[in-house]
């Protein structure tokens, strides 16, 4: 099924245009994406997914819990709920989402100029890994990481993590804020 996205201008404003995923990436059109990190209720662990070996960008690397593009006529929180269910089989409710920030990014890791306005969310949830159902074309594994391990990986040039720098920066800012 072909996916279509609402197109934004360089200021992040909707311009009443729609384009396919392929056209967005080929032409470098601005569109929205979302990210969610599932954090344990004690704030000590983060659930990450390992990207499939067949992904064009960042194969086999550890990544956000879930996320993706915001479809045409969809809001950011709706995208997070949909993507989490698709990628790891976990249901999230709107009330569980905590918005922690937004950035603008241009990614060229294997798919051309992917220009995003990103929204970042946290969900506090204790999930048994045995209950997770992976979308195998997207995700090959999931694992709980302790917060210190993630901080160390980020400080070690993002060791074994995707190059989604804004995502990781907002995650660290979140933990710095709650630790104060």
Protein backbone atom coordinates (compact mmCIF):
# COMPACT_ATOMS: atom_id res chain seq x y z
CA UNK A 1 0.00 0.00 0.00
CA UNK A 2 1.40 3.38 -1.02
CA UNK A 3 1.75 5.89 1.82
CA UNK A 4 0.94 9.58 1.43
CA UNK A 5 2.08 12.42 3.67
CA UNK A 6 0.95 16.01 4.20
CA UNK A 7 3.66 18.32 2.88
CA UNK A 8 4.98 21.18 5.00
CA UNK A 9 6.96 24.28 4.11
CA UNK A 10 10.39 24.97 5.61
CA UNK A 11 8.65 26.59 8.63
CA UNK A 12 6.66 23.44 9.40
CA UNK A 13 3.35 24.84 8.17
CA UNK A 14 0.87 22.73 6.21
CA UNK A 15 0.64 23.89 2.58
CA UNK A 16 -2.40 21.84 1.49
CA UNK A 17 -0.30 19.47 -0.61
CA UNK A 18 0.15 15.73 -0.36
CA UNK A 19 2.88 13.51 -1.78
CA UNK A 20 3.85 9.86 -1.68
CA UNK A 21 6.64 8.60 0.55
CA UNK A 22 8.77 8.05 -2.54
CA UNK A 23 8.24 11.61 -3.84
CA UNK A 24 8.93 13.12 -0.42
CA UNK A 25 12.29 11.39 -0.25
CA UNK A 26 13.20 11.82 -3.91
CA UNK A 27 12.31 15.53 -3.99
CA UNK A 28 13.32 16.39 -0.42
CA UNK A 29 9.84 17.55 0.65
CA UNK A 30 9.24 18.44 4.31
CA UNK A 31 6.85 16.11 6.18
CA UNK A 32 6.20 14.96 9.77
CA UNK A 33 7.62 12.04 11.73
CA UNK A 34 7.15 10.82 15.27
CA UNK A 35 9.21 9.00 17.88
CA UNK A 36 8.24 7.27 21.09
CA UNK A 37 10.43 5.88 23.83
CA UNK A 38 8.85 3.40 26.22
CA UNK A 39 10.42 3.98 29.63
CA UNK A 40 9.90 1.70 32.62
CA UNK A 41 7.68 3.08 35.36
CA UNK A 42 10.71 3.38 37.66
CA UNK A 43 12.54 5.49 35.01
CA UNK A 44 15.52 3.10 35.02
CA UNK A 45 15.11 1.30 31.66
CA UNK A 46 14.31 2.17 28.05
CA UNK A 47 12.82 -0.28 25.58
CA UNK A 48 14.65 -0.13 22.23
CA UNK A 49 14.17 -1.95 18.97
CA UNK A 50 16.91 -3.36 16.78
CA UNK A 51 16.29 -2.44 13.16
CA UNK A 52 15.95 -5.22 10.62
CA UNK A 53 19.04 -6.20 8.62
CA UNK A 54 17.10 -5.35 5.44
CA UNK A 55 16.40 -1.70 6.34
CA UNK A 56 17.93 0.83 3.91
CA UNK A 57 19.01 3.13 6.72
CA UNK A 58 20.80 1.97 9.89
CA UNK A 59 20.32 -1.81 9.45
CA UNK A 60 21.01 -3.88 12.59
CA UNK A 61 21.39 -0.83 14.85
CA UNK A 62 19.47 -0.13 18.06
CA UNK A 63 16.78 2.50 17.63
CA UNK A 64 13.88 4.28 19.29
CA UNK A 65 11.10 2.11 20.72
CA UNK A 66 8.85 2.92 17.76
CA UNK A 67 8.05 5.68 15.33
CA UNK A 68 7.69 6.67 11.75
CA UNK A 69 6.07 9.00 9.31
CA UNK A 70 2.82 10.82 9.99
CA UNK A 71 0.32 9.84 7.30
CA UNK A 72 -1.94 12.21 5.39
CA UNK A 73 -4.66 13.66 7.68
CA UNK A 74 -3.06 12.07 10.76
CA UNK A 75 -1.85 13.86 13.89
CA UNK A 76 1.47 13.12 15.57
CA UNK A 77 0.02 11.27 18.56
CA UNK A 78 -2.08 9.12 16.21
CA UNK A 79 1.07 8.18 14.29
CA UNK A 80 2.85 7.14 17.51
CA UNK A 81 -0.08 4.95 18.56
CA UNK A 82 -0.30 3.34 15.09
CA UNK A 83 3.45 2.82 14.65
CA UNK A 84 3.89 1.26 18.10
CA UNK A 85 1.12 -1.23 17.40
CA UNK A 86 2.50 -2.03 13.91
CA UNK A 87 6.17 -2.34 14.85
CA UNK A 88 6.06 -4.08 18.24
CA UNK A 89 2.40 -5.01 18.81
CA UNK A 90 1.94 -2.80 21.88
CA UNK A 91 -1.19 -0.72 22.48
CA UNK A 92 -0.73 2.84 23.74
CA UNK A 93 -3.47 5.24 24.70
CA UNK A 94 -3.38 8.96 23.96
CA UNK A 95 -3.49 9.72 27.70
CA UNK A 96 -0.27 7.74 28.24
CA UNK A 97 1.76 9.90 25.84
CA UNK A 98 3.99 12.63 27.22
CA UNK A 99 5.15 15.11 24.57
CA UNK A 100 8.78 16.06 25.25
CA UNK A 101 9.72 18.18 22.24
CA UNK A 102 10.11 18.66 18.53
CA UNK A 103 12.92 19.25 16.06
CA UNK A 104 13.57 19.66 12.40
CA UNK A 105 16.00 17.24 10.73
CA UNK A 106 17.42 16.26 7.38
CA UNK A 107 18.50 12.65 7.15
CA UNK A 108 20.44 11.23 4.22
CA UNK A 109 21.17 7.75 5.62
CA UNK A 110 20.37 5.55 2.64
CA UNK A 111 17.11 7.05 1.40
CA UNK A 112 17.87 10.48 0.01
CA UNK A 113 17.01 13.80 1.60
CA UNK A 114 14.45 12.82 4.24
CA UNK A 115 13.27 16.16 5.64
CA UNK A 116 11.29 15.79 8.86
CA UNK A 117 9.52 17.84 11.45
CA UNK A 118 9.84 15.41 14.36
CA UNK A 119 7.69 15.03 17.46
CA UNK A 120 9.10 13.17 20.48
CA UNK A 121 7.06 11.30 23.09
CA UNK A 122 7.64 9.23 26.23
CA UNK A 123 5.34 6.48 27.53
CA UNK A 124 5.82 4.94 30.96
CA UNK A 125 4.97 1.27 30.73
CA UNK A 126 6.39 -1.97 32.05
CA UNK A 127 6.24 -4.41 29.15
CA UNK A 128 7.13 -8.07 29.18
CA UNK A 129 9.30 -8.68 26.12
CA UNK A 130 7.55 -12.04 25.61
CA UNK A 131 4.32 -10.11 24.89
CA UNK A 132 5.87 -8.17 22.00
CA UNK A 133 4.96 -9.11 18.43
CA UNK A 134 7.61 -7.83 16.03
CA UNK A 135 6.96 -6.50 12.54
CA UNK A 136 9.90 -8.51 11.19
CA UNK A 137 10.44 -6.44 8.04
CA UNK A 138 11.08 -3.46 10.34
CA UNK A 139 12.33 -4.89 13.65
CA UNK A 140 14.50 -7.93 14.44
CA UNK A 141 14.63 -7.65 18.25
CA UNK A 142 13.69 -5.55 21.28
CA UNK A 143 15.57 -5.15 24.52
CA UNK A 144 15.40 -3.18 27.74
CA UNK A 145 18.52 -1.01 28.22
CA UNK A 146 19.36 0.78 31.43
CA UNK A 147 19.55 4.55 31.17
CA UNK A 148 23.27 4.68 32.02
CA UNK A 149 24.06 2.24 29.21
CA UNK A 150 22.24 4.46 26.69
CA UNK A 151 24.03 7.57 27.99
CA UNK A 152 27.39 5.77 27.63
CA UNK A 153 26.58 4.65 24.08
CA UNK A 154 25.61 8.20 23.11
CA UNK A 155 28.84 9.54 24.63
CA UNK A 156 30.79 6.84 22.77
CA UNK A 157 29.85 8.25 19.34
CA UNK A 158 26.37 6.64 19.42
CA UNK A 159 27.85 3.12 19.66
CA UNK A 160 25.46 0.61 18.02
CA UNK A 161 22.69 3.27 17.93
CA UNK A 162 21.08 4.89 14.91
CA UNK A 163 22.22 8.34 13.83
CA UNK A 164 18.92 9.92 14.86
CA UNK A 165 20.73 12.51 16.96
CA UNK A 166 17.68 14.62 17.82
CA UNK A 167 15.88 11.58 19.23
CA UNK A 168 18.76 10.65 21.50
CA UNK A 169 19.35 14.26 22.57
CA UNK A 170 15.71 14.67 23.63
CA UNK A 171 15.81 11.38 25.51
CA UNK A 172 18.87 12.55 27.47
CA UNK A 173 17.27 15.98 28.10
CA UNK A 174 14.20 14.18 29.45
CA UNK A 175 16.28 12.17 31.94
CA UNK A 176 18.29 15.23 32.95
CA UNK A 177 15.03 17.07 33.65
CA UNK A 178 13.46 14.31 35.76
CA UNK A 179 16.69 13.78 37.71
CA UNK A 180 16.67 17.40 38.99
